[in-house]
All heavy atoms as atom14 arrays in JSON, in Angstrom:
{
  "sequence": "KETDLSEAEIRANIANCDVFLFGTLSTSFTP",
  "atom14_mask": [
    [1, 1, 1, 1, 1, 1, 1, 1, 1, 0, 0, 0, 0, 0],
    [1, 1, 1, 1, 1, 1, 1, 1, 1, 0, 0, 0, 0, 0],
    [1, 1, 1, 1, 1, 1, 1, 0, 0, 0, 0, 0, 0, 0],
    [1, 1, 1, 1, 1, 1, 1, 1, 0, 0, 0, 0, 0, 0],
    [1, 1, 1, 1, 1, 1, 1, 1, 0, 0, 0, 0, 0, 0],
    [1, 1, 1, 1, 1, 1, 0, 0, 0, 0, 0, 0, 0, 0],
    [1, 1, 1, 1, 1, 1, 1, 1, 1, 0, 0, 0, 0, 0],
    [1, 1, 1, 1, 1, 0, 0, 0, 0, 0, 0, 0, 0, 0],
    [1, 1, 1, 1, 1, 1, 1, 1, 1, 0, 0, 0, 0, 0],
    [1, 1, 1, 1, 1, 1, 1, 1, 0, 0, 0, 0, 0, 0],
    [1, 1, 1, 1, 1, 1, 1, 1, 1, 1, 1, 0, 0, 0],
    [1, 1, 1, 1, 1, 0, 0, 0, 0, 0, 0, 0, 0, 0],
    [1, 1, 1, 1, 1, 1, 1, 1, 0, 0, 0, 0, 0, 0],
    [1, 1, 1, 1, 1, 1, 1, 1, 0, 0, 0, 0, 0, 0],
    [1, 1, 1, 1, 1, 0, 0, 0, 0, 0, 0, 0, 0, 0],
    [1, 1, 1, 1, 1, 1, 1, 1, 0, 0, 0, 0, 0, 0],
    [1, 1, 1, 1, 1, 1, 0, 0, 0, 0, 0, 0, 0, 0],
    [1, 1, 1, 1, 1, 1, 1, 1, 0, 0, 0, 0, 0, 0],
    [1, 1, 1, 1, 1, 1, 1, 0, 0, 0, 0, 0, 0, 0],
    [1, 1, 1, 1, 1, 1, 1, 1, 1, 1, 1, 0, 0, 0],
    [1, 1, 1, 1, 1, 1, 1, 1, 0, 0, 0, 0, 0, 0],
    [1, 1, 1, 1, 1, 1, 1, 1, 1, 1, 1, 0, 0, 0],
    [1, 1, 1, 1, 0, 0, 0, 0, 0, 0, 0, 0, 0, 0],
    [1, 1, 1, 1, 1, 1, 1, 0, 0, 0, 0, 0, 0, 0],
    [1, 1, 1, 1, 1, 1, 1, 1, 0, 0, 0, 0, 0, 0],
    [1, 1, 1, 1, 1, 1, 0, 0, 0, 0, 0, 0, 0, 0],
    [1, 1, 1, 1, 1, 1, 1, 0, 0, 0, 0, 0, 0, 0],
    [1, 1, 1, 1, 1, 1, 0, 0, 0, 0, 0, 0, 0, 0],
    [1, 1, 1, 1, 1, 1, 1, 1, 1, 1, 1, 0, 0, 0],
    [1, 1, 1, 1, 1, 1, 1, 0, 0, 0, 0, 0, 0, 0],
    [1, 1, 1, 1, 1, 1, 1, 0, 0, 0, 0, 0, 0, 0]
  ],
  "atom14_positions": [
    [[-112.74, 29.41, 112.26], [-112.7, 28.54, 111.09], [-111.3, 27.93, 110.99], [-110.3, 28.64, 111.11], [-113.02, 29.37, 109.84], [-112.93, 28.61, 108.53], [-113.22, 29.55, 107.36], [-113.11, 28.84, 106.02], [-113.34, 29.76, 104.89], [0.0, 0.0, 0.0], [0.0, 0.0, 0.0], [0.0, 0.0, 0.0], [0.0, 0.0, 0.0], [0.0, 0.0, 0.0]],
    [[-111.24, 26.65, 110.75], [-109.96, 25.94, 110.82], [-108.89, 26.55, 109.93], [-107.74, 26.74, 110.35], [-110.17, 24.47, 110.47], [-108.92, 23.63, 110.61], [-109.16, 22.17, 110.26], [-110.28, 21.83, 109.84], [-108.21, 21.38, 110.41], [0.0, 0.0, 0.0], [0.0, 0.0, 0.0], [0.0, 0.0, 0.0], [0.0, 0.0, 0.0], [0.0, 0.0, 0.0]],
    [[-109.24, 26.88, 108.7], [-108.22, 27.37, 107.77], [-107.82, 28.82, 108.01], [-106.89, 29.33, 107.37], [-108.71, 27.22, 106.32], [-109.97, 27.88, 106.19], [-108.86, 25.75, 105.95], [0.0, 0.0, 0.0], [0.0, 0.0, 0.0], [0.0, 0.0, 0.0], [0.0, 0.0, 0.0], [0.0, 0.0, 0.0], [0.0, 0.0, 0.0], [0.0, 0.0, 0.0]],
    [[-108.5, 29.5, 108.94], [-108.12, 30.88, 109.26], [-106.96, 30.96, 110.25], [-106.41, 32.03, 110.48], [-109.32, 31.64, 109.84], [-110.32, 32.04, 108.76], [-109.99, 31.93, 107.57], [-111.44, 32.47, 109.12], [0.0, 0.0, 0.0], [0.0, 0.0, 0.0], [0.0, 0.0, 0.0], [0.0, 0.0, 0.0], [0.0, 0.0, 0.0], [0.0, 0.0, 0.0]],
    [[-106.63, 29.83, 110.85], [-105.58, 29.81, 111.87], [-104.42, 28.94, 111.41], [-104.61, 27.92, 110.75], [-106.11, 29.25, 113.2], [-107.29, 29.99, 113.86], [-107.66, 29.3, 115.17], [-106.96, 31.46, 114.09], [0.0, 0.0, 0.0], [0.0, 0.0, 0.0], [0.0, 0.0, 0.0], [0.0, 0.0, 0.0], [0.0, 0.0, 0.0], [0.0, 0.0, 0.0]],
    [[-103.23, 29.33, 111.8], [-102.06, 28.47, 111.58], [-102.11, 27.35, 112.6], [-102.83, 27.41, 113.6], [-100.77, 29.26, 111.74], [-100.62, 29.67, 113.1], [0.0, 0.0, 0.0], [0.0, 0.0, 0.0], [0.0, 0.0, 0.0], [0.0, 0.0, 0.0], [0.0, 0.0, 0.0], [0.0, 0.0, 0.0], [0.0, 0.0, 0.0], [0.0, 0.0, 0.0]],
    [[-101.31, 26.32, 112.37], [-101.27, 25.22, 113.34], [-100.78, 25.71, 114.69], [-101.27, 25.28, 115.75], [-100.37, 24.09, 112.81], [-100.49, 22.79, 113.61], [-101.87, 22.18, 113.54], [-102.6, 22.39, 112.55], [-102.25, 21.49, 114.53], [0.0, 0.0, 0.0], [0.0, 0.0, 0.0], [0.0, 0.0, 0.0], [0.0, 0.0, 0.0], [0.0, 0.0, 0.0]],
    [[-99.84, 26.64, 114.69], [-99.34, 27.18, 115.97], [-100.45, 27.94, 116.69], [-100.58, 27.84, 117.93], [-98.15, 28.1, 115.7], [0.0, 0.0, 0.0], [0.0, 0.0, 0.0], [0.0, 0.0, 0.0], [0.0, 0.0, 0.0], [0.0, 0.0, 0.0], [0.0, 0.0, 0.0], [0.0, 0.0, 0.0], [0.0, 0.0, 0.0], [0.0, 0.0, 0.0]],
    [[-101.28, 28.68, 115.95], [-102.37, 29.41, 116.58], [-103.44, 28.46, 117.12], [-104.01, 28.69, 118.19], [-102.99, 30.37, 115.56], [-102.1, 31.57, 115.21], [-102.63, 32.38, 114.06], [-103.21, 31.78, 113.11], [-102.46, 33.62, 114.08], [0.0, 0.0, 0.0], [0.0, 0.0, 0.0], [0.0, 0.0, 0.0], [0.0, 0.0, 0.0], [0.0, 0.0, 0.0]],
    [[-103.69, 27.37, 116.39], [-104.65, 26.38, 116.88], [-104.16, 25.79, 118.2], [-104.92, 25.69, 119.18], [-104.86, 25.28, 115.82], [-105.64, 25.84, 114.63], [-105.61, 24.09, 116.43], [-105.76, 24.89, 113.47], [0.0, 0.0, 0.0], [0.0, 0.0, 0.0], [0.0, 0.0, 0.0], [0.0, 0.0, 0.0], [0.0, 0.0, 0.0], [0.0, 0.0, 0.0]],
    [[-102.89, 25.45, 118.25], [-102.36, 24.83, 119.47], [-102.32, 25.84, 120.62], [-102.54, 25.47, 121.78], [-100.98, 24.23, 119.2], [-101.08, 23.05, 118.23], [-99.91, 22.12, 118.26], [-100.18, 20.94, 117.44], [-99.73, 19.73, 117.69], [-98.98, 19.5, 118.76], [-100.02, 18.73, 116.9], [0.0, 0.0, 0.0], [0.0, 0.0, 0.0], [0.0, 0.0, 0.0]],
    [[-102.08, 27.09, 120.3], [-102.08, 28.11, 121.35], [-103.48, 28.24, 121.94], [-103.66, 28.38, 123.17], [-101.62, 29.44, 120.8], [0.0, 0.0, 0.0], [0.0, 0.0, 0.0], [0.0, 0.0, 0.0], [0.0, 0.0, 0.0], [0.0, 0.0, 0.0], [0.0, 0.0, 0.0], [0.0, 0.0, 0.0], [0.0, 0.0, 0.0], [0.0, 0.0, 0.0]],
    [[-104.51, 28.19, 121.09], [-105.89, 28.26, 121.59], [-106.26, 27.01, 122.39], [-107.01, 27.1, 123.36], [-106.86, 28.46, 120.42], [-106.98, 29.91, 120.0], [-107.52, 30.73, 120.73], [-106.46, 30.22, 118.82], [0.0, 0.0, 0.0], [0.0, 0.0, 0.0], [0.0, 0.0, 0.0], [0.0, 0.0, 0.0], [0.0, 0.0, 0.0], [0.0, 0.0, 0.0]],
    [[-105.75, 25.86, 121.96], [-105.99, 24.65, 122.74], [-105.37, 24.79, 124.13], [-105.99, 24.45, 125.15], [-105.43, 23.41, 122.01], [-106.25, 23.11, 120.73], [-105.43, 22.18, 122.93], [-105.68, 22.02, 119.87], [0.0, 0.0, 0.0], [0.0, 0.0, 0.0], [0.0, 0.0, 0.0], [0.0, 0.0, 0.0], [0.0, 0.0, 0.0], [0.0, 0.0, 0.0]],
    [[-104.15, 25.3, 124.17], [-103.46, 25.46, 125.46], [-104.2, 26.44, 126.37], [-104.17, 26.28, 127.6], [-102.03, 25.95, 125.22], [0.0, 0.0, 0.0], [0.0, 0.0, 0.0], [0.0, 0.0, 0.0], [0.0, 0.0, 0.0], [0.0, 0.0, 0.0], [0.0, 0.0, 0.0], [0.0, 0.0, 0.0], [0.0, 0.0, 0.0], [0.0, 0.0, 0.0]],
    [[-104.89, 27.41, 125.8], [-105.55, 28.44, 126.6], [-107.0, 28.11, 126.95], [-107.67, 28.91, 127.61], [-105.52, 29.78, 125.86], [-104.13, 30.38, 125.81], [-103.33, 30.17, 126.71], [-103.83, 31.1, 124.74], [0.0, 0.0, 0.0], [0.0, 0.0, 0.0], [0.0, 0.0, 0.0], [0.0, 0.0, 0.0], [0.0, 0.0, 0.0], [0.0, 0.0, 0.0]],
    [[-107.51, 26.96, 126.52], [-108.91, 26.64, 126.8], [-109.01, 25.54, 127.86], [-108.01, 24.9, 128.22], [-109.62, 26.18, 125.53], [-109.23, 24.49, 124.99], [0.0, 0.0, 0.0], [0.0, 0.0, 0.0], [0.0, 0.0, 0.0], [0.0, 0.0, 0.0], [0.0, 0.0, 0.0], [0.0, 0.0, 0.0], [0.0, 0.0, 0.0], [0.0, 0.0, 0.0]],
    [[-110.21, 25.35, 128.34], [-110.52, 24.21, 129.21], [-111.18, 23.08, 128.42], [-110.99, 21.91, 128.74], [-111.45, 24.65, 130.35], [-110.82, 25.69, 131.24], [-109.77, 25.41, 131.83], [-111.38, 26.81, 131.33], [0.0, 0.0, 0.0], [0.0, 0.0, 0.0], [0.0, 0.0, 0.0], [0.0, 0.0, 0.0], [0.0, 0.0, 0.0], [0.0, 0.0, 0.0]],
    [[-111.95, 23.47, 127.4], [-112.68, 22.49, 126.59], [-112.43, 22.8, 125.12], [-112.64, 23.93, 124.67], [-114.19, 22.53, 126.88], [-114.91, 21.46, 126.05], [-114.46, 22.34, 128.36], [0.0, 0.0, 0.0], [0.0, 0.0, 0.0], [0.0, 0.0, 0.0], [0.0, 0.0, 0.0], [0.0, 0.0, 0.0], [0.0, 0.0, 0.0], [0.0, 0.0, 0.0]],
    [[-111.98, 21.8, 124.38], [-111.7, 21.92, 122.96], [-112.82, 21.2, 122.21], [-112.96, 19.99, 122.3], [-110.34, 21.31, 122.65], [-109.97, 21.25, 121.19], [-110.32, 22.26, 120.31], [-109.25, 20.16, 120.69], [-109.97, 22.2, 118.97], [-108.89, 20.1, 119.35], [-109.26, 21.12, 118.49], [0.0, 0.0, 0.0], [0.0, 0.0, 0.0], [0.0, 0.0, 0.0]],
    [[-113.63, 21.96, 121.46], [-114.69, 21.39, 120.63], [-114.29, 21.54, 119.18], [-113.99, 22.65, 118.72], [-116.02, 22.12, 120.89], [-116.56, 22.12, 122.31], [-116.22, 23.44, 123.0], [-118.07, 21.91, 122.33], [0.0, 0.0, 0.0], [0.0, 0.0, 0.0], [0.0, 0.0, 0.0], [0.0, 0.0, 0.0], [0.0, 0.0, 0.0], [0.0, 0.0, 0.0]],
    [[-114.27, 20.44, 118.42], [-113.87, 20.52, 117.02], [-114.89, 19.82, 116.14], [-115.45, 18.78, 116.49], [-112.47, 19.91, 116.82], [-112.41, 18.42, 116.98], [-112.43, 17.59, 115.86], [-112.33, 17.84, 118.24], [-112.35, 16.22, 116.0], [-112.26, 16.46, 118.39], [-112.28, 15.64, 117.28], [0.0, 0.0, 0.0], [0.0, 0.0, 0.0], [0.0, 0.0, 0.0]],
    [[-115.16, 20.43, 115.0], [-116.13, 19.88, 114.06], [-115.45, 19.28, 112.85], [-114.38, 19.71, 112.42], [0.0, 0.0, 0.0], [0.0, 0.0, 0.0], [0.0, 0.0, 0.0], [0.0, 0.0, 0.0], [0.0, 0.0, 0.0], [0.0, 0.0, 0.0], [0.0, 0.0, 0.0], [0.0, 0.0, 0.0], [0.0, 0.0, 0.0], [0.0, 0.0, 0.0]],
    [[-116.1, 18.27, 112.26], [-115.63, 17.66, 111.01], [-116.78, 17.6, 110.01], [-117.96, 17.61, 110.4], [-115.09, 16.23, 111.25], [-116.12, 15.42, 111.83], [-113.87, 16.26, 112.16], [0.0, 0.0, 0.0], [0.0, 0.0, 0.0], [0.0, 0.0, 0.0], [0.0, 0.0, 0.0], [0.0, 0.0, 0.0], [0.0, 0.0, 0.0], [0.0, 0.0, 0.0]],
    [[-116.43, 17.53, 108.75], [-117.42, 17.53, 107.67], [-117.2, 16.36, 106.72], [-117.18, 16.52, 105.52], [-117.32, 18.83, 106.86], [-118.12, 20.04, 107.33], [-117.94, 21.19, 106.37], [-119.6, 19.69, 107.46], [0.0, 0.0, 0.0], [0.0, 0.0, 0.0], [0.0, 0.0, 0.0], [0.0, 0.0, 0.0], [0.0, 0.0, 0.0], [0.0, 0.0, 0.0]],
    [[-117.04, 15.19, 107.24], [-116.76, 14.03, 106.4], [-118.02, 13.57, 105.67], [-119.12, 13.65, 106.2], [-116.21, 12.89, 107.24], [-114.96, 13.23, 107.79], [0.0, 0.0, 0.0], [0.0, 0.0, 0.0], [0.0, 0.0, 0.0], [0.0, 0.0, 0.0], [0.0, 0.0, 0.0], [0.0, 0.0, 0.0], [0.0, 0.0, 0.0], [0.0, 0.0, 0.0]],
    [[-117.83, 13.08, 104.45], [-118.95, 12.53, 103.7], [-119.06, 11.02, 103.86], [-120.12, 10.45, 103.68], [-118.81, 12.86, 102.2], [-117.57, 12.31, 101.73], [-118.83, 14.35, 101.98], [0.0, 0.0, 0.0], [0.0, 0.0, 0.0], [0.0, 0.0, 0.0], [0.0, 0.0, 0.0], [0.0, 0.0, 0.0], [0.0, 0.0, 0.0], [0.0, 0.0, 0.0]],
    [[-117.93, 10.37, 104.16], [-117.95, 8.9, 104.21], [-116.8, 8.4, 105.08], [-116.07, 9.18, 105.69], [-117.86, 8.31, 102.81], [-116.67, 8.69, 102.17], [0.0, 0.0, 0.0], [0.0, 0.0, 0.0], [0.0, 0.0, 0.0], [0.0, 0.0, 0.0], [0.0, 0.0, 0.0], [0.0, 0.0, 0.0], [0.0, 0.0, 0.0], [0.0, 0.0, 0.0]],
    [[-116.67, 7.1, 105.11], [-115.77, 6.44, 106.04], [-114.69, 5.67, 105.28], [-114.98, 5.01, 104.29], [-116.6, 5.49, 106.89], [-115.82, 4.45, 107.64], [-115.18, 4.78, 108.82], [-115.73, 3.14, 107.18], [-114.46, 3.81, 109.53], [-115.01, 2.18, 107.88], [-114.38, 2.51, 109.05], [0.0, 0.0, 0.0], [0.0, 0.0, 0.0], [0.0, 0.0, 0.0]],
    [[-113.45, 5.78, 105.75], [-112.36, 4.97, 105.2], [-111.7, 4.21, 106.33], [-111.25, 4.83, 107.3], [-111.31, 5.85, 104.51], [-111.92, 6.56, 103.43], [-110.18, 5.01, 103.96], [0.0, 0.0, 0.0], [0.0, 0.0, 0.0], [0.0, 0.0, 0.0], [0.0, 0.0, 0.0], [0.0, 0.0, 0.0], [0.0, 0.0, 0.0], [0.0, 0.0, 0.0]],
    [[-111.66, 2.88, 106.25], [-111.06, 2.13, 107.35], [-109.57, 2.37, 107.45], [-108.87, 2.48, 106.44], [-111.36, 0.66, 106.99], [-111.53, 0.68, 105.51], [-112.14, 2.0, 105.17], [0.0, 0.0, 0.0], [0.0, 0.0, 0.0], [0.0, 0.0, 0.0], [0.0, 0.0, 0.0], [0.0, 0.0, 0.0], [0.0, 0.0, 0.0], [0.0, 0.0, 0.0]]
  ]
}
């Protein structure tokens, strides 16, 4: 879950993976 990790932990996991899959929950669009 995004808020369970610090930004440093997120980047560490990105560095240690081959594929980064991320989800978003937007309701609408802002140009």
